[in-house]
N, C-alpha and C. Protein backbone atom coordinates (compact mmCIF):
# COMPACT_ATOMS: atom_id res chain seq x y z
N MET A 1 -63.38 0.00 47.72
CA MET A 1 -62.83 -0.20 46.39
C MET A 1 -62.41 -1.65 46.19
N GLY A 2 -62.45 -2.45 47.13
CA GLY A 2 -62.14 -3.86 46.94
C GLY A 2 -60.65 -4.11 46.85
N GLU A 3 -60.33 -5.36 46.71
CA GLU A 3 -58.92 -5.70 46.64
C GLU A 3 -58.40 -5.61 45.21
N LEU A 4 -57.15 -5.28 45.08
CA LEU A 4 -56.50 -5.16 43.79
C LEU A 4 -56.00 -6.55 43.38
N SER A 5 -56.45 -7.02 42.24
CA SER A 5 -56.08 -8.38 41.85
C SER A 5 -54.64 -8.44 41.34
N LEU A 6 -54.12 -9.63 41.31
CA LEU A 6 -52.77 -9.87 40.82
C LEU A 6 -52.65 -9.45 39.37
N TYR A 7 -53.70 -9.69 38.60
CA TYR A 7 -53.68 -9.34 37.17
C TYR A 7 -53.65 -7.83 36.97
N ALA A 8 -54.32 -7.09 37.83
CA ALA A 8 -54.30 -5.64 37.74
C ALA A 8 -52.90 -5.10 38.03
N VAL A 9 -52.29 -5.63 39.07
CA VAL A 9 -50.93 -5.21 39.42
C VAL A 9 -49.97 -5.58 38.30
N LEU A 10 -50.11 -6.77 37.76
CA LEU A 10 -49.25 -7.21 36.66
C LEU A 10 -49.45 -6.33 35.43
N GLY A 11 -50.70 -6.02 35.12
CA GLY A 11 -50.99 -5.16 33.97
C GLY A 11 -50.44 -3.76 34.15
N LEU A 12 -50.59 -3.20 35.35
CA LEU A 12 -50.05 -1.86 35.62
C LEU A 12 -48.52 -1.86 35.53
N SER A 13 -47.90 -2.90 36.05
CA SER A 13 -46.44 -2.98 36.02
C SER A 13 -45.92 -3.08 34.59
N ILE A 14 -46.51 -3.98 33.82
CA ILE A 14 -46.08 -4.15 32.42
C ILE A 14 -46.35 -2.88 31.63
N GLY A 15 -47.51 -2.28 31.84
CA GLY A 15 -47.83 -1.04 31.13
C GLY A 15 -46.87 0.07 31.47
N PHE A 16 -46.53 0.20 32.74
CA PHE A 16 -45.60 1.24 33.17
C PHE A 16 -44.22 0.99 32.56
N LEU A 17 -43.73 -0.24 32.64
CA LEU A 17 -42.42 -0.56 32.09
C LEU A 17 -42.40 -0.39 30.56
N TRP A 18 -43.50 -0.77 29.90
CA TRP A 18 -43.59 -0.61 28.45
C TRP A 18 -43.52 0.87 28.08
N GLY A 19 -44.22 1.70 28.83
CA GLY A 19 -44.21 3.14 28.57
C GLY A 19 -42.83 3.75 28.77
N ILE A 20 -42.16 3.37 29.84
CA ILE A 20 -40.80 3.87 30.09
C ILE A 20 -39.86 3.41 28.99
N GLY A 21 -39.96 2.16 28.60
CA GLY A 21 -39.10 1.63 27.53
C GLY A 21 -39.30 2.36 26.21
N CYS A 22 -40.55 2.62 25.87
CA CYS A 22 -40.83 3.35 24.62
C CYS A 22 -40.28 4.77 24.69
N SER A 23 -40.44 5.42 25.82
CA SER A 23 -39.92 6.77 25.98
C SER A 23 -38.41 6.80 25.83
N LEU A 24 -37.74 5.85 26.45
CA LEU A 24 -36.28 5.79 26.34
C LEU A 24 -35.84 5.51 24.91
N ALA A 25 -36.57 4.67 24.21
CA ALA A 25 -36.22 4.36 22.82
C ALA A 25 -36.35 5.62 21.95
N ILE A 26 -37.38 6.40 22.18
CA ILE A 26 -37.57 7.63 21.40
C ILE A 26 -36.46 8.62 21.71
N LEU A 27 -36.13 8.80 23.00
CA LEU A 27 -35.06 9.73 23.37
C LEU A 27 -33.72 9.28 22.78
N TYR A 28 -33.46 7.98 22.78
CA TYR A 28 -32.20 7.47 22.24
C TYR A 28 -32.12 7.71 20.73
N SER A 29 -33.23 7.53 20.02
CA SER A 29 -33.21 7.76 18.58
C SER A 29 -33.01 9.24 18.27
N ILE A 30 -33.57 10.13 19.08
CA ILE A 30 -33.34 11.56 18.89
C ILE A 30 -31.88 11.89 19.14
N TYR A 31 -31.31 11.31 20.19
CA TYR A 31 -29.90 11.52 20.52
C TYR A 31 -29.00 11.05 19.37
N LEU A 32 -29.26 9.87 18.85
CA LEU A 32 -28.43 9.34 17.76
C LEU A 32 -28.55 10.20 16.50
N GLY A 33 -29.74 10.70 16.23
CA GLY A 33 -29.92 11.58 15.07
C GLY A 33 -29.08 12.83 15.19
N GLY A 34 -29.03 13.42 16.38
CA GLY A 34 -28.21 14.61 16.61
C GLY A 34 -26.73 14.29 16.52
N TYR A 35 -26.34 13.13 17.02
CA TYR A 35 -24.94 12.73 16.97
C TYR A 35 -24.50 12.52 15.52
N ARG A 36 -25.35 11.85 14.74
CA ARG A 36 -25.01 11.63 13.33
C ARG A 36 -24.88 12.95 12.58
N LYS A 37 -25.77 13.89 12.86
CA LYS A 37 -25.71 15.19 12.19
C LYS A 37 -24.44 15.93 12.58
N ALA A 38 -24.04 15.84 13.85
CA ALA A 38 -22.81 16.50 14.30
C ALA A 38 -21.59 15.91 13.60
N VAL A 39 -21.54 14.59 13.48
CA VAL A 39 -20.42 13.94 12.79
C VAL A 39 -20.41 14.34 11.31
N GLU A 40 -21.59 14.35 10.72
CA GLU A 40 -21.71 14.74 9.31
C GLU A 40 -21.24 16.18 9.11
N ASP A 41 -21.64 17.09 9.99
CA ASP A 41 -21.21 18.49 9.89
C ASP A 41 -19.71 18.64 10.07
N SER A 42 -19.13 17.83 10.95
CA SER A 42 -17.69 17.95 11.19
C SER A 42 -16.87 17.45 10.01
N MET A 43 -17.46 16.64 9.14
CA MET A 43 -16.73 16.08 8.01
C MET A 43 -16.87 16.89 6.72
N THR A 44 -17.74 17.88 6.70
CA THR A 44 -17.93 18.66 5.49
C THR A 44 -16.76 19.63 5.28
N GLU A 45 -16.53 19.99 4.04
CA GLU A 45 -15.46 20.94 3.71
C GLU A 45 -15.77 22.32 4.26
N VAL A 46 -16.95 22.83 3.94
CA VAL A 46 -17.37 24.14 4.44
C VAL A 46 -18.26 23.90 5.65
N LYS A 47 -17.80 24.36 6.79
CA LYS A 47 -18.52 24.12 8.04
C LYS A 47 -19.72 25.06 8.15
N PRO A 48 -20.85 24.56 8.67
CA PRO A 48 -22.00 25.42 8.92
C PRO A 48 -21.67 26.46 10.01
N GLN A 49 -22.33 27.60 9.95
CA GLN A 49 -22.05 28.68 10.90
C GLN A 49 -22.30 28.23 12.34
N ARG A 50 -23.33 27.45 12.55
CA ARG A 50 -23.64 26.96 13.90
C ARG A 50 -22.49 26.10 14.44
N PHE A 51 -21.90 25.30 13.59
CA PHE A 51 -20.77 24.45 13.98
C PHE A 51 -19.57 25.32 14.35
N VAL A 52 -19.29 26.34 13.53
CA VAL A 52 -18.16 27.24 13.78
C VAL A 52 -18.36 27.98 15.11
N ASP A 53 -19.57 28.47 15.37
CA ASP A 53 -19.85 29.16 16.62
C ASP A 53 -19.67 28.24 17.82
N ALA A 54 -20.14 26.99 17.71
CA ALA A 54 -20.00 26.04 18.80
C ALA A 54 -18.53 25.74 19.08
N MET A 55 -17.74 25.60 18.03
CA MET A 55 -16.31 25.32 18.21
C MET A 55 -15.61 26.50 18.89
N LYS A 56 -15.99 27.73 18.54
CA LYS A 56 -15.40 28.90 19.19
C LYS A 56 -15.72 28.91 20.68
N LYS A 57 -16.95 28.58 21.03
CA LYS A 57 -17.34 28.55 22.44
C LYS A 57 -16.57 27.47 23.20
N ILE A 58 -16.41 26.31 22.58
CA ILE A 58 -15.69 25.21 23.23
C ILE A 58 -14.23 25.59 23.43
N GLN A 59 -13.61 26.17 22.42
CA GLN A 59 -12.20 26.56 22.54
C GLN A 59 -12.01 27.65 23.58
N ALA A 60 -12.94 28.61 23.66
CA ALA A 60 -12.85 29.66 24.67
C ALA A 60 -12.98 29.08 26.06
N ARG A 61 -13.88 28.12 26.24
CA ARG A 61 -14.08 27.48 27.53
C ARG A 61 -12.83 26.68 27.93
N ARG A 62 -12.20 26.05 26.97
CA ARG A 62 -11.00 25.26 27.27
C ARG A 62 -9.83 26.16 27.68
N LYS A 63 -9.77 27.35 27.10
CA LYS A 63 -8.69 28.28 27.47
C LYS A 63 -8.87 28.81 28.89
N LYS A 64 -10.11 28.96 29.33
CA LYS A 64 -10.39 29.47 30.66
C LYS A 64 -10.12 28.44 31.74
N ILE A 65 -10.45 27.19 31.48
CA ILE A 65 -10.32 26.12 32.46
C ILE A 65 -9.11 25.27 32.10
N PRO A 66 -8.06 25.30 32.93
CA PRO A 66 -6.90 24.45 32.62
C PRO A 66 -7.26 22.98 32.81
N VAL A 67 -6.85 22.19 31.85
CA VAL A 67 -7.13 20.77 31.90
C VAL A 67 -5.96 20.06 32.56
N THR A 68 -6.24 19.34 33.64
CA THR A 68 -5.20 18.59 34.33
C THR A 68 -5.41 17.11 34.06
N PRO A 69 -4.34 16.38 33.84
CA PRO A 69 -4.50 14.93 33.60
C PRO A 69 -4.98 14.25 34.87
N HIS A 70 -5.84 13.28 34.69
CA HIS A 70 -6.36 12.51 35.82
C HIS A 70 -5.36 11.44 36.19
N SER A 71 -5.23 11.22 37.46
CA SER A 71 -4.32 10.15 37.90
C SER A 71 -5.02 8.81 37.77
N ALA A 72 -4.31 7.87 37.21
CA ALA A 72 -4.91 6.55 36.96
C ALA A 72 -4.73 5.63 38.12
């Protein structure tokens, strides 16, 4: 198969890093979209049913697990 040239290694490295960077950018934009929607839902007068259900689950979980302050 011959020797792998410097340009091939450079191209593979840049292509790999470019692909990872694009993937992370897409995941971050999806994350921000969900975060914005959650903040928007929390600010509405009438809460969506999904929001109410999630809050009930969180409150039930907090009652089961006692929260202890962390030592600084």
